[in-house]
N, C-alpha and C. Protein backbone atom coordinates (compact mmCIF):
# COMPACT_ATOMS: atom_id res chain seq x y z
N UNK A 1 -29.96 17.32 -49.33
CA UNK A 1 -28.66 17.94 -48.94
C UNK A 1 -28.49 18.02 -47.34
N UNK A 2 -29.61 18.37 -46.77
CA UNK A 2 -29.62 18.52 -45.23
C UNK A 2 -29.30 17.14 -44.66
N UNK A 3 -29.98 16.07 -45.18
CA UNK A 3 -29.74 14.72 -44.75
C UNK A 3 -28.31 14.25 -44.89
N UNK A 4 -27.69 14.71 -46.09
CA UNK A 4 -26.28 14.40 -46.30
C UNK A 4 -25.38 14.96 -45.27
N UNK A 5 -25.60 16.24 -44.96
CA UNK A 5 -24.72 16.89 -43.94
C UNK A 5 -24.90 16.32 -42.55
N UNK A 6 -26.24 15.92 -42.21
CA UNK A 6 -26.54 15.34 -40.95
C UNK A 6 -25.79 13.95 -40.79
N UNK A 7 -25.83 13.21 -41.94
CA UNK A 7 -25.15 11.91 -41.97
C UNK A 7 -23.67 12.06 -41.83
N UNK A 8 -23.15 13.08 -42.49
CA UNK A 8 -21.65 13.30 -42.52
C UNK A 8 -21.20 13.74 -41.09
N UNK A 9 -22.06 14.61 -40.51
CA UNK A 9 -21.73 15.00 -39.09
C UNK A 9 -21.79 13.83 -38.10
N UNK A 10 -22.76 12.94 -38.25
CA UNK A 10 -22.87 11.73 -37.45
C UNK A 10 -21.71 10.83 -37.58
N UNK A 11 -21.26 10.64 -38.91
CA UNK A 11 -20.14 9.85 -39.25
C UNK A 11 -18.84 10.41 -38.59
N UNK A 12 -18.68 11.72 -38.72
CA UNK A 12 -17.49 12.32 -38.11
C UNK A 12 -17.49 12.10 -36.56
N UNK A 13 -18.67 12.27 -36.02
CA UNK A 13 -18.76 12.10 -34.52
C UNK A 13 -18.39 10.64 -34.11
N UNK A 14 -18.93 9.71 -34.93
CA UNK A 14 -18.63 8.21 -34.58
C UNK A 14 -17.13 7.99 -34.70
N UNK A 15 -16.53 8.55 -35.78
CA UNK A 15 -15.11 8.30 -36.02
C UNK A 15 -14.27 8.89 -34.90
N UNK A 16 -14.65 10.11 -34.43
CA UNK A 16 -13.93 10.74 -33.29
C UNK A 16 -14.04 9.93 -32.10
N UNK A 17 -15.23 9.34 -31.87
CA UNK A 17 -15.42 8.43 -30.70
C UNK A 17 -14.56 7.26 -30.80
N UNK A 18 -14.50 6.60 -31.99
CA UNK A 18 -13.64 5.42 -32.17
C UNK A 18 -12.19 5.75 -31.98
N UNK A 19 -11.73 6.88 -32.47
CA UNK A 19 -10.40 7.24 -32.35
C UNK A 19 -10.04 7.47 -30.90
N UNK A 20 -11.00 8.08 -30.18
CA UNK A 20 -10.76 8.33 -28.73
C UNK A 20 -10.66 6.98 -27.98
N UNK A 21 -11.51 5.98 -28.39
CA UNK A 21 -11.41 4.64 -27.69
C UNK A 21 -10.06 4.00 -28.00
N UNK A 22 -9.67 4.11 -29.26
CA UNK A 22 -8.40 3.49 -29.68
C UNK A 22 -7.24 4.16 -28.92
N UNK A 23 -7.21 5.46 -28.71
CA UNK A 23 -6.18 6.12 -28.02
C UNK A 23 -6.16 5.66 -26.60
N UNK A 24 -7.33 5.52 -25.91
CA UNK A 24 -7.40 4.98 -24.60
C UNK A 24 -6.86 3.59 -24.52
N UNK A 25 -7.28 2.72 -25.44
CA UNK A 25 -6.76 1.39 -25.47
C UNK A 25 -5.29 1.29 -25.59
N UNK A 26 -4.78 2.10 -26.49
CA UNK A 26 -3.29 2.14 -26.62
C UNK A 26 -2.63 2.61 -25.31
N UNK A 27 -3.27 3.56 -24.72
CA UNK A 27 -2.72 4.15 -23.45
C UNK A 27 -2.73 3.10 -22.32
N UNK A 28 -3.79 2.28 -22.26
CA UNK A 28 -3.94 1.33 -21.22
C UNK A 28 -3.27 0.00 -21.52
N UNK A 29 -2.90 -0.25 -22.78
CA UNK A 29 -2.37 -1.49 -23.20
C UNK A 29 -0.94 -1.64 -22.52
N UNK A 30 -0.79 -2.59 -21.71
CA UNK A 30 0.49 -2.64 -20.89
C UNK A 30 0.88 -4.13 -20.70
N UNK A 31 2.01 -4.52 -21.31
CA UNK A 31 2.43 -5.86 -21.16
C UNK A 31 3.62 -6.01 -20.25
N UNK A 32 3.89 -4.99 -19.38
CA UNK A 32 4.98 -5.03 -18.46
C UNK A 32 4.64 -6.02 -17.27
N UNK A 33 5.65 -6.22 -16.48
CA UNK A 33 5.50 -7.20 -15.34
C UNK A 33 4.50 -6.66 -14.32
N UNK A 34 3.99 -7.58 -13.61
CA UNK A 34 3.08 -7.29 -12.51
C UNK A 34 3.82 -6.67 -11.37
N UNK A 35 3.40 -5.37 -11.03
CA UNK A 35 4.16 -4.66 -9.94
C UNK A 35 3.71 -5.01 -8.54
N UNK A 36 2.65 -5.75 -8.45
CA UNK A 36 2.08 -6.03 -7.05
C UNK A 36 3.07 -6.81 -6.18
N UNK A 37 3.78 -7.82 -6.68
CA UNK A 37 4.68 -8.45 -5.74
C UNK A 37 5.71 -7.61 -5.13
N UNK A 38 6.28 -6.53 -5.92
CA UNK A 38 7.18 -5.66 -5.24
C UNK A 38 6.51 -4.85 -4.17
N UNK A 39 5.32 -4.32 -4.45
CA UNK A 39 4.64 -3.55 -3.44
C UNK A 39 4.31 -4.35 -2.22
N UNK A 40 3.89 -5.63 -2.39
CA UNK A 40 3.55 -6.50 -1.24
C UNK A 40 4.83 -6.81 -0.45
N UNK A 41 5.94 -7.13 -1.15
CA UNK A 41 7.12 -7.46 -0.39
C UNK A 41 7.68 -6.17 0.30
N UNK A 42 7.59 -5.08 -0.36
CA UNK A 42 8.04 -3.80 0.28
C UNK A 42 7.25 -3.44 1.54
N UNK A 43 5.96 -3.63 1.44
CA UNK A 43 5.09 -3.36 2.59
C UNK A 43 5.38 -4.40 3.75
N UNK A 44 5.46 -5.72 3.27
CA UNK A 44 5.56 -6.77 4.29
C UNK A 44 6.94 -6.70 4.99
N UNK A 45 8.01 -6.56 4.31
CA UNK A 45 9.34 -6.57 4.94
C UNK A 45 9.56 -5.36 5.85
N UNK A 46 9.05 -4.20 5.41
CA UNK A 46 9.16 -2.88 6.22
C UNK A 46 8.34 -3.05 7.52
N UNK A 47 7.10 -3.62 7.31
CA UNK A 47 6.27 -3.80 8.48
C UNK A 47 6.83 -4.83 9.45
N UNK A 48 7.42 -5.92 8.91
CA UNK A 48 8.05 -6.84 9.74
C UNK A 48 9.23 -6.17 10.62
N UNK A 49 10.04 -5.35 9.91
CA UNK A 49 11.16 -4.84 10.63
C UNK A 49 10.71 -3.86 11.69
N UNK A 50 9.76 -2.99 11.44
CA UNK A 50 9.23 -2.16 12.49
C UNK A 50 8.62 -2.83 13.60
N UNK A 51 7.88 -3.92 13.24
CA UNK A 51 7.13 -4.69 14.23
C UNK A 51 8.07 -5.48 15.19
N UNK A 52 9.23 -5.80 14.65
CA UNK A 52 10.25 -6.38 15.54
C UNK A 52 10.58 -5.40 16.67
N UNK A 53 10.78 -4.17 16.28
CA UNK A 53 10.99 -3.08 17.27
C UNK A 53 9.85 -2.99 18.25
N UNK A 54 8.58 -2.88 17.68
CA UNK A 54 7.49 -2.73 18.56
C UNK A 54 7.24 -3.95 19.52
N UNK A 55 7.73 -5.05 19.10
CA UNK A 55 7.71 -6.29 19.95
C UNK A 55 8.79 -6.28 21.00
N UNK A 56 9.72 -5.38 20.94
CA UNK A 56 10.85 -5.27 21.91
C UNK A 56 12.06 -6.02 21.51
N UNK A 57 12.13 -6.53 20.26
CA UNK A 57 13.30 -7.33 19.83
C UNK A 57 14.40 -6.48 19.40
N UNK A 58 14.12 -5.39 18.73
CA UNK A 58 15.22 -4.49 18.17
C UNK A 58 14.94 -3.07 18.58
N UNK A 59 15.95 -2.24 18.38
CA UNK A 59 15.80 -0.83 18.69
C UNK A 59 15.33 -0.07 17.43
N UNK A 60 14.80 1.21 17.68
CA UNK A 60 14.39 2.04 16.57
C UNK A 60 15.57 2.71 16.04
N UNK A 61 16.25 2.16 15.07
CA UNK A 61 17.51 2.71 14.62
C UNK A 61 17.50 2.92 13.05
N UNK A 62 18.69 3.21 12.53
CA UNK A 62 18.83 3.56 11.14
C UNK A 62 18.26 2.52 10.17
N UNK A 63 18.45 1.19 10.44
CA UNK A 63 17.91 0.25 9.42
C UNK A 63 16.41 0.43 9.18
N UNK A 64 15.64 0.70 10.26
CA UNK A 64 14.25 0.89 10.10
C UNK A 64 13.97 2.18 9.30
N UNK A 65 14.64 3.25 9.61
CA UNK A 65 14.47 4.52 8.91
C UNK A 65 14.79 4.34 7.40
N UNK A 66 15.91 3.72 7.11
CA UNK A 66 16.27 3.51 5.73
C UNK A 66 15.33 2.63 5.04
N UNK A 67 14.87 1.57 5.62
CA UNK A 67 13.89 0.67 4.98
C UNK A 67 12.56 1.49 4.72
N UNK A 68 12.18 2.28 5.67
CA UNK A 68 10.97 3.09 5.51
C UNK A 68 10.98 4.00 4.37
N UNK A 69 12.14 4.65 4.22
CA UNK A 69 12.28 5.69 3.07
C UNK A 69 12.37 4.97 1.75
N UNK A 70 13.20 3.99 1.64
CA UNK A 70 13.56 3.53 0.25
C UNK A 70 12.77 2.29 -0.17
N UNK A 71 12.50 1.35 0.73
CA UNK A 71 11.79 0.18 0.24
C UNK A 71 10.29 0.30 0.56
N UNK A 72 10.00 0.47 1.83
CA UNK A 72 8.58 0.60 2.19
C UNK A 72 7.98 1.90 1.55
N UNK A 73 8.80 2.94 1.43
CA UNK A 73 8.33 4.21 0.93
C UNK A 73 8.49 4.35 -0.59
N UNK A 74 9.68 4.57 -1.07
CA UNK A 74 9.87 4.88 -2.48
C UNK A 74 9.45 3.82 -3.42
N UNK A 75 9.74 2.50 -3.08
CA UNK A 75 9.35 1.38 -3.91
C UNK A 75 7.85 1.27 -4.04
N UNK A 76 7.14 1.47 -2.93
CA UNK A 76 5.68 1.35 -3.07
C UNK A 76 5.05 2.55 -3.83
N UNK A 77 5.64 3.66 -3.74
CA UNK A 77 5.13 4.81 -4.54
C UNK A 77 5.31 4.48 -6.04
N UNK A 78 6.44 3.92 -6.37
CA UNK A 78 6.74 3.51 -7.75
C UNK A 78 5.66 2.46 -8.19
N UNK A 79 5.47 1.47 -7.33
CA UNK A 79 4.45 0.45 -7.60
C UNK A 79 3.10 1.07 -7.80
N UNK A 80 2.71 2.05 -7.01
CA UNK A 80 1.42 2.68 -7.15
C UNK A 80 1.27 3.38 -8.49
N UNK A 81 2.37 3.98 -8.92
CA UNK A 81 2.35 4.57 -10.23
C UNK A 81 2.17 3.55 -11.36
N UNK A 82 2.83 2.37 -11.20
CA UNK A 82 2.76 1.32 -12.16
C UNK A 82 1.31 0.69 -12.19
N UNK A 83 0.70 0.62 -11.03
CA UNK A 83 -0.68 0.09 -10.92
C UNK A 83 -1.65 1.06 -11.64
N UNK A 84 -1.33 2.35 -11.61
CA UNK A 84 -2.16 3.28 -12.30
C UNK A 84 -2.10 3.05 -13.83
N UNK A 85 -0.97 2.70 -14.25
CA UNK A 85 -0.80 2.38 -15.67
C UNK A 85 -1.56 1.10 -16.05
N UNK A 86 -1.63 0.19 -15.00
CA UNK A 86 -2.30 -1.05 -15.22
C UNK A 86 -3.79 -0.91 -15.09
N UNK A 87 -4.32 0.33 -14.81
CA UNK A 87 -5.67 0.61 -14.64
C UNK A 87 -6.25 -0.10 -13.46
N UNK A 88 -5.41 -0.24 -12.38
CA UNK A 88 -5.87 -0.89 -11.12
C UNK A 88 -5.93 0.17 -10.07
N UNK A 89 -7.19 0.61 -9.84
CA UNK A 89 -7.41 1.77 -8.90
C UNK A 89 -7.04 1.31 -7.48
N UNK A 90 -7.46 0.11 -7.05
CA UNK A 90 -7.12 -0.34 -5.72
C UNK A 90 -5.64 -0.46 -5.47
N UNK A 91 -4.93 -1.03 -6.40
CA UNK A 91 -3.45 -1.17 -6.33
C UNK A 91 -2.80 0.16 -6.20
N UNK A 92 -3.24 1.15 -7.06
CA UNK A 92 -2.68 2.44 -7.07
C UNK A 92 -2.83 3.16 -5.78
N UNK A 93 -4.15 3.12 -5.26
CA UNK A 93 -4.45 3.73 -4.00
C UNK A 93 -3.69 3.09 -2.78
N UNK A 94 -3.64 1.71 -2.78
CA UNK A 94 -3.06 1.02 -1.65
C UNK A 94 -1.55 1.27 -1.58
N UNK A 95 -0.86 0.86 -2.67
CA UNK A 95 0.59 0.96 -2.64
C UNK A 95 1.08 2.50 -2.59
N UNK A 96 0.39 3.34 -3.40
CA UNK A 96 0.83 4.74 -3.40
C UNK A 96 0.65 5.36 -1.99
N UNK A 97 -0.44 5.01 -1.35
CA UNK A 97 -0.73 5.65 -0.01
C UNK A 97 0.19 5.05 1.06
N UNK A 98 0.31 3.75 1.06
CA UNK A 98 1.26 3.19 2.10
C UNK A 98 2.66 3.55 1.85
N UNK A 99 3.05 3.75 0.57
CA UNK A 99 4.38 4.25 0.33
C UNK A 99 4.67 5.61 0.94
N UNK A 100 3.65 6.46 0.77
CA UNK A 100 3.75 7.81 1.37
C UNK A 100 3.67 7.77 2.99
N UNK A 101 2.89 6.76 3.42
CA UNK A 101 2.91 6.60 4.91
C UNK A 101 4.25 6.30 5.41
N UNK A 102 5.02 5.39 4.81
CA UNK A 102 6.33 5.01 5.28
C UNK A 102 7.30 6.19 5.21
N UNK A 103 7.20 6.95 4.14
CA UNK A 103 8.04 8.18 4.01
C UNK A 103 7.68 9.18 5.10
N UNK A 104 6.38 9.32 5.38
CA UNK A 104 5.93 10.23 6.44
C UNK A 104 6.44 9.77 7.80
N UNK A 105 6.35 8.47 7.99
CA UNK A 105 6.86 7.89 9.25
C UNK A 105 8.32 8.19 9.52
N UNK A 106 9.08 8.02 8.44
CA UNK A 106 10.55 8.33 8.53
C UNK A 106 10.75 9.77 8.82
N UNK A 107 9.97 10.63 8.13
CA UNK A 107 10.04 12.11 8.40
C UNK A 107 9.73 12.46 9.85
N UNK A 108 8.80 11.76 10.48
CA UNK A 108 8.40 12.00 11.88
C UNK A 108 9.60 11.74 12.74
N UNK A 109 10.41 10.79 12.42
CA UNK A 109 11.64 10.48 13.19
C UNK A 109 12.80 11.41 12.90
N UNK A 110 12.92 11.78 11.61
CA UNK A 110 14.08 12.54 11.21
C UNK A 110 13.97 14.02 11.47
N UNK A 111 12.76 14.62 11.34
CA UNK A 111 12.59 16.07 11.50
C UNK A 111 12.97 16.54 12.95
N UNK A 112 12.60 15.83 13.96
CA UNK A 112 13.00 16.30 15.29
C UNK A 112 14.50 16.15 15.49
N UNK A 113 15.05 15.01 14.94
CA UNK A 113 16.50 14.80 15.13
C UNK A 113 17.28 15.86 14.44
N UNK A 114 16.74 16.38 13.36
CA UNK A 114 17.47 17.43 12.59
C UNK A 114 17.15 18.81 13.16
N UNK A 115 16.32 18.89 14.17
CA UNK A 115 15.97 20.23 14.75
C UNK A 115 14.99 21.06 13.89
N UNK A 116 14.30 20.39 12.98
CA UNK A 116 13.35 21.08 12.12
C UNK A 116 11.95 21.12 12.58
N UNK A 117 11.62 20.27 13.62
CA UNK A 117 10.24 20.19 14.16
C UNK A 117 10.33 19.55 15.50
N UNK A 118 9.33 19.77 16.32
CA UNK A 118 9.29 19.14 17.64
C UNK A 118 8.80 17.67 17.47
N UNK A 119 9.27 16.83 18.33
CA UNK A 119 8.88 15.45 18.37
C UNK A 119 7.35 15.37 18.70
N UNK A 120 6.64 14.46 18.06
CA UNK A 120 5.22 14.44 18.35
C UNK A 120 4.92 13.88 19.72
N UNK A 121 3.89 14.44 20.31
CA UNK A 121 3.45 13.92 21.64
C UNK A 121 2.62 12.61 21.37
N UNK A 122 2.42 11.80 22.35
CA UNK A 122 1.61 10.58 22.22
C UNK A 122 0.30 10.78 21.58
N UNK A 123 -0.37 11.80 21.94
CA UNK A 123 -1.70 12.10 21.45
C UNK A 123 -1.63 12.42 19.97
N UNK A 124 -0.62 13.20 19.63
CA UNK A 124 -0.46 13.65 18.23
C UNK A 124 -0.11 12.44 17.36
N UNK A 125 0.78 11.51 17.89
CA UNK A 125 1.11 10.33 17.09
C UNK A 125 -0.09 9.41 16.96
N UNK A 126 -0.87 9.34 18.14
CA UNK A 126 -2.10 8.50 18.05
C UNK A 126 -3.03 9.02 16.98
N UNK A 127 -3.20 10.37 16.88
CA UNK A 127 -4.08 10.93 15.86
C UNK A 127 -3.59 10.57 14.43
N UNK A 128 -2.25 10.72 14.30
CA UNK A 128 -1.64 10.32 13.01
C UNK A 128 -1.97 8.88 12.61
N UNK A 129 -1.79 7.98 13.53
CA UNK A 129 -2.03 6.61 13.26
C UNK A 129 -3.55 6.27 13.03
N UNK A 130 -4.37 6.98 13.85
CA UNK A 130 -5.80 6.77 13.76
C UNK A 130 -6.35 7.17 12.40
N UNK A 131 -5.82 8.32 11.79
CA UNK A 131 -6.25 8.65 10.47
C UNK A 131 -5.94 7.56 9.42
N UNK A 132 -4.67 6.97 9.60
CA UNK A 132 -4.34 5.90 8.69
C UNK A 132 -5.17 4.58 8.98
N UNK A 133 -5.63 4.50 10.24
CA UNK A 133 -6.48 3.38 10.55
C UNK A 133 -7.84 3.43 9.90
N UNK A 134 -8.38 4.67 9.72
CA UNK A 134 -9.61 4.84 9.00
C UNK A 134 -9.45 4.49 7.56
N UNK A 135 -8.29 4.89 7.05
CA UNK A 135 -7.97 4.54 5.62
C UNK A 135 -7.86 2.95 5.44
N UNK A 136 -7.13 2.32 6.41
CA UNK A 136 -7.01 0.84 6.28
C UNK A 136 -8.35 0.17 6.42
N UNK A 137 -9.31 0.73 7.20
CA UNK A 137 -10.62 0.16 7.28
C UNK A 137 -11.34 0.19 5.90
N UNK A 138 -11.17 1.34 5.21
CA UNK A 138 -11.69 1.49 3.85
C UNK A 138 -11.12 0.50 2.87
N UNK A 139 -9.82 0.24 3.04
CA UNK A 139 -9.25 -0.80 2.15
C UNK A 139 -9.75 -2.17 2.50
N UNK A 140 -9.92 -2.46 3.83
CA UNK A 140 -10.46 -3.73 4.21
C UNK A 140 -11.80 -4.01 3.65
N UNK A 141 -12.68 -2.99 3.67
CA UNK A 141 -13.99 -3.14 3.07
C UNK A 141 -13.94 -3.47 1.60
N UNK A 142 -12.97 -2.95 0.93
CA UNK A 142 -12.75 -3.24 -0.54
C UNK A 142 -12.36 -4.76 -0.70
N UNK A 143 -11.54 -5.25 0.26
CA UNK A 143 -11.06 -6.60 0.06
C UNK A 143 -12.17 -7.62 0.33
N UNK A 144 -13.37 -7.15 0.78
CA UNK A 144 -14.45 -8.17 1.01
C UNK A 144 -14.94 -8.75 -0.23
N UNK A 145 -14.55 -8.04 -1.42
CA UNK A 145 -14.92 -8.54 -2.70
C UNK A 145 -13.68 -9.16 -3.42
N UNK A 146 -12.54 -9.35 -2.64
CA UNK A 146 -11.36 -9.81 -3.24
C UNK A 146 -10.86 -11.09 -2.55
N UNK A 147 -9.53 -11.39 -2.76
CA UNK A 147 -9.00 -12.65 -2.33
C UNK A 147 -9.03 -12.71 -0.76
N UNK A 148 -9.38 -13.87 -0.27
CA UNK A 148 -9.45 -14.00 1.27
C UNK A 148 -8.15 -13.65 1.98
N UNK A 149 -7.04 -14.05 1.42
CA UNK A 149 -5.71 -13.76 2.07
C UNK A 149 -5.51 -12.27 2.17
N UNK A 150 -5.96 -11.60 1.15
CA UNK A 150 -5.81 -10.11 1.17
C UNK A 150 -6.76 -9.54 2.30
N UNK A 151 -7.88 -10.19 2.47
CA UNK A 151 -8.81 -9.72 3.61
C UNK A 151 -8.07 -9.87 4.96
N UNK A 152 -7.42 -11.08 5.16
CA UNK A 152 -6.71 -11.34 6.42
C UNK A 152 -5.64 -10.34 6.63
N UNK A 153 -4.89 -10.06 5.59
CA UNK A 153 -3.79 -9.11 5.67
C UNK A 153 -4.26 -7.73 6.12
N UNK A 154 -5.27 -7.18 5.40
CA UNK A 154 -5.84 -5.87 5.82
C UNK A 154 -6.49 -5.84 7.15
N UNK A 155 -7.13 -7.05 7.57
CA UNK A 155 -7.63 -7.07 8.89
C UNK A 155 -6.56 -6.99 9.93
N UNK A 156 -5.42 -7.64 9.67
CA UNK A 156 -4.28 -7.57 10.60
C UNK A 156 -3.71 -6.22 10.65
N UNK A 157 -3.66 -5.47 9.54
CA UNK A 157 -3.22 -4.10 9.54
C UNK A 157 -4.15 -3.17 10.35
N UNK A 158 -5.40 -3.43 10.19
CA UNK A 158 -6.40 -2.65 11.03
C UNK A 158 -6.23 -2.87 12.51
N UNK A 159 -6.05 -4.16 12.85
CA UNK A 159 -5.84 -4.52 14.24
C UNK A 159 -4.50 -3.88 14.74
N UNK A 160 -3.50 -3.93 13.89
CA UNK A 160 -2.22 -3.33 14.24
C UNK A 160 -2.33 -1.87 14.57
N UNK A 161 -3.06 -1.14 13.75
CA UNK A 161 -3.19 0.30 13.96
C UNK A 161 -3.97 0.59 15.23
N UNK A 162 -5.07 -0.20 15.48
CA UNK A 162 -5.84 -0.02 16.65
C UNK A 162 -4.96 -0.23 17.90
N UNK A 163 -4.16 -1.26 17.92
CA UNK A 163 -3.28 -1.55 19.04
C UNK A 163 -2.23 -0.42 19.25
N UNK A 164 -1.65 0.04 18.13
CA UNK A 164 -0.66 1.10 18.25
C UNK A 164 -1.24 2.42 18.80
N UNK A 165 -2.48 2.75 18.30
CA UNK A 165 -3.16 3.90 18.81
C UNK A 165 -3.42 3.80 20.34
N UNK A 166 -3.89 2.62 20.75
CA UNK A 166 -4.16 2.39 22.21
C UNK A 166 -2.85 2.45 22.94
N UNK A 167 -1.76 1.90 22.43
CA UNK A 167 -0.51 1.96 23.11
C UNK A 167 -0.03 3.38 23.28
N UNK A 168 -0.15 4.25 22.28
CA UNK A 168 0.30 5.61 22.38
C UNK A 168 -0.61 6.36 23.47
N UNK A 169 -1.84 6.08 23.50
CA UNK A 169 -2.75 6.85 24.43
C UNK A 169 -2.56 6.30 25.86
N UNK A 170 -2.32 5.07 26.01
CA UNK A 170 -2.24 4.54 27.34
C UNK A 170 -0.77 4.42 27.85
N UNK A 171 0.23 4.32 27.00
CA UNK A 171 1.61 4.10 27.35
C UNK A 171 1.83 2.71 27.83
N UNK A 172 0.92 1.75 27.56
CA UNK A 172 1.03 0.36 27.98
C UNK A 172 1.98 -0.39 27.10
N UNK A 173 2.98 -1.02 27.69
CA UNK A 173 3.99 -1.70 26.96
C UNK A 173 3.46 -3.02 26.45
N UNK A 174 2.60 -3.63 27.15
CA UNK A 174 1.98 -4.90 26.63
C UNK A 174 1.18 -4.70 25.42
N UNK A 175 0.37 -3.58 25.31
CA UNK A 175 -0.39 -3.30 24.15
C UNK A 175 0.49 -3.03 22.94
N UNK A 176 1.63 -2.38 23.19
CA UNK A 176 2.65 -2.11 22.12
C UNK A 176 3.16 -3.46 21.59
N UNK A 177 3.49 -4.33 22.55
CA UNK A 177 4.02 -5.68 22.12
C UNK A 177 3.00 -6.44 21.31
N UNK A 178 1.67 -6.39 21.72
CA UNK A 178 0.63 -7.02 20.95
C UNK A 178 0.53 -6.43 19.57
N UNK A 179 0.69 -5.14 19.46
CA UNK A 179 0.71 -4.44 18.21
C UNK A 179 1.88 -4.97 17.39
N UNK A 180 2.98 -5.17 18.02
CA UNK A 180 4.17 -5.70 17.21
C UNK A 180 3.87 -7.11 16.67
N UNK A 181 3.16 -7.91 17.52
CA UNK A 181 2.79 -9.23 16.96
C UNK A 181 1.83 -9.16 15.83
N UNK A 182 0.84 -8.24 15.96
CA UNK A 182 -0.14 -8.04 14.85
C UNK A 182 0.59 -7.55 13.58
N UNK A 183 1.55 -6.71 13.76
CA UNK A 183 2.34 -6.20 12.66
C UNK A 183 3.22 -7.33 11.94
N UNK A 184 3.70 -8.22 12.83
CA UNK A 184 4.43 -9.36 12.28
C UNK A 184 3.60 -10.22 11.38
N UNK A 185 2.39 -10.42 11.94
CA UNK A 185 1.39 -11.22 11.14
C UNK A 185 1.05 -10.55 9.80
N UNK A 186 0.72 -9.25 9.85
CA UNK A 186 0.43 -8.55 8.68
C UNK A 186 1.53 -8.52 7.71
N UNK A 187 2.71 -8.23 8.17
CA UNK A 187 3.91 -8.18 7.26
C UNK A 187 4.25 -9.58 6.73
N UNK A 188 4.12 -10.64 7.48
CA UNK A 188 4.40 -11.93 6.99
C UNK A 188 3.35 -12.36 5.87
N UNK A 189 2.12 -12.01 6.07
CA UNK A 189 1.10 -12.31 5.09
C UNK A 189 1.34 -11.57 3.80
N UNK A 190 1.69 -10.29 3.87
CA UNK A 190 1.94 -9.49 2.67
C UNK A 190 3.23 -10.07 1.93
N UNK A 191 4.23 -10.37 2.72
CA UNK A 191 5.44 -10.93 2.09
C UNK A 191 5.10 -12.28 1.44
N UNK A 192 4.34 -13.09 2.09
CA UNK A 192 3.90 -14.37 1.54
C UNK A 192 3.17 -14.15 0.21
N UNK A 193 2.27 -13.26 0.16
CA UNK A 193 1.50 -13.02 -1.10
C UNK A 193 2.47 -12.49 -2.16
N UNK A 194 3.31 -11.61 -1.86
CA UNK A 194 4.28 -11.08 -2.92
C UNK A 194 5.18 -12.16 -3.44
N UNK A 195 5.77 -12.98 -2.54
CA UNK A 195 6.69 -13.99 -3.03
C UNK A 195 5.95 -15.14 -3.72
N UNK A 196 4.74 -15.45 -3.20
CA UNK A 196 3.91 -16.51 -3.75
C UNK A 196 3.50 -16.20 -5.17
N UNK A 197 3.22 -14.92 -5.46
CA UNK A 197 2.81 -14.60 -6.90
C UNK A 197 4.03 -14.82 -7.83
N UNK A 198 5.29 -14.44 -7.41
CA UNK A 198 6.45 -14.60 -8.24
C UNK A 198 6.80 -16.05 -8.33
N UNK A 199 6.74 -16.85 -7.29
CA UNK A 199 7.08 -18.20 -7.35
C UNK A 199 6.06 -18.97 -8.32
N UNK A 200 4.81 -18.69 -8.14
CA UNK A 200 3.79 -19.34 -9.06
C UNK A 200 4.02 -18.95 -10.51
N UNK A 201 4.41 -17.76 -10.77
CA UNK A 201 4.72 -17.29 -12.18
C UNK A 201 5.91 -17.98 -12.72
N UNK A 202 6.95 -18.15 -11.87
CA UNK A 202 8.22 -18.71 -12.33
C UNK A 202 8.02 -20.18 -12.64
N UNK A 203 7.25 -20.91 -11.78
CA UNK A 203 7.06 -22.30 -11.90
C UNK A 203 5.95 -22.64 -12.88
N UNK A 204 5.14 -21.60 -13.27
CA UNK A 204 4.09 -21.84 -14.17
C UNK A 204 2.95 -22.62 -13.66
N UNK A 205 2.83 -22.74 -12.29
CA UNK A 205 1.72 -23.51 -11.73
C UNK A 205 1.48 -22.92 -10.29
N UNK A 206 0.37 -23.39 -9.71
CA UNK A 206 -0.01 -22.86 -8.39
C UNK A 206 0.80 -23.59 -7.29
N UNK A 207 2.04 -23.21 -7.17
CA UNK A 207 2.82 -23.82 -6.08
C UNK A 207 2.42 -23.40 -4.70
N UNK A 208 2.10 -22.11 -4.60
CA UNK A 208 1.60 -21.59 -3.24
C UNK A 208 0.20 -20.99 -3.47
N UNK A 209 -0.67 -21.26 -2.59
CA UNK A 209 -2.07 -20.72 -2.69
C UNK A 209 -2.03 -19.21 -2.41
N UNK A 210 -2.16 -18.37 -3.34
CA UNK A 210 -2.25 -16.91 -3.15
C UNK A 210 -3.35 -16.39 -4.05
């Protein structure tokens, strides 16, 4: 009788484990579209727009703020949530964090204009960017085990942040322009990867190497 109860207990434990696995499989089973192209395009296009300003081509005006809030910001946060459902930790962290970065950047511009906070001093803005630079370095390390094009993109982002931090601390316009160029490269690479994935999917073949 004791052996019977032990066997029954073991059977129930095994069944509970199987049910838990099945629940997790159902939870992670996702046949929805790949959200990465949206996140890459949102990051790339917003970075390109801001980098045009840093390069001295455009002014820091409402199009940049609007893009930062809704496309670079909100869209990437949504993509990060979708990547969580896809069980992609890197995608969730990358898109979710950069989405919040763009929203934070827009807030840095809007809060002083609304009289809700003081405008950041160069040292304060450099510290803000430097923290994100540390984060970007961490992501770059992750890409060493991933696609080479993604490595180049994150490397350009790291270089961009370094140059922007240096520009804030020194007030050197040339360094800021170089940061704009690095941002244009990073944004163009991200946009290329995002559009490349969709083009390859639509044509059903490797039209663009991504």
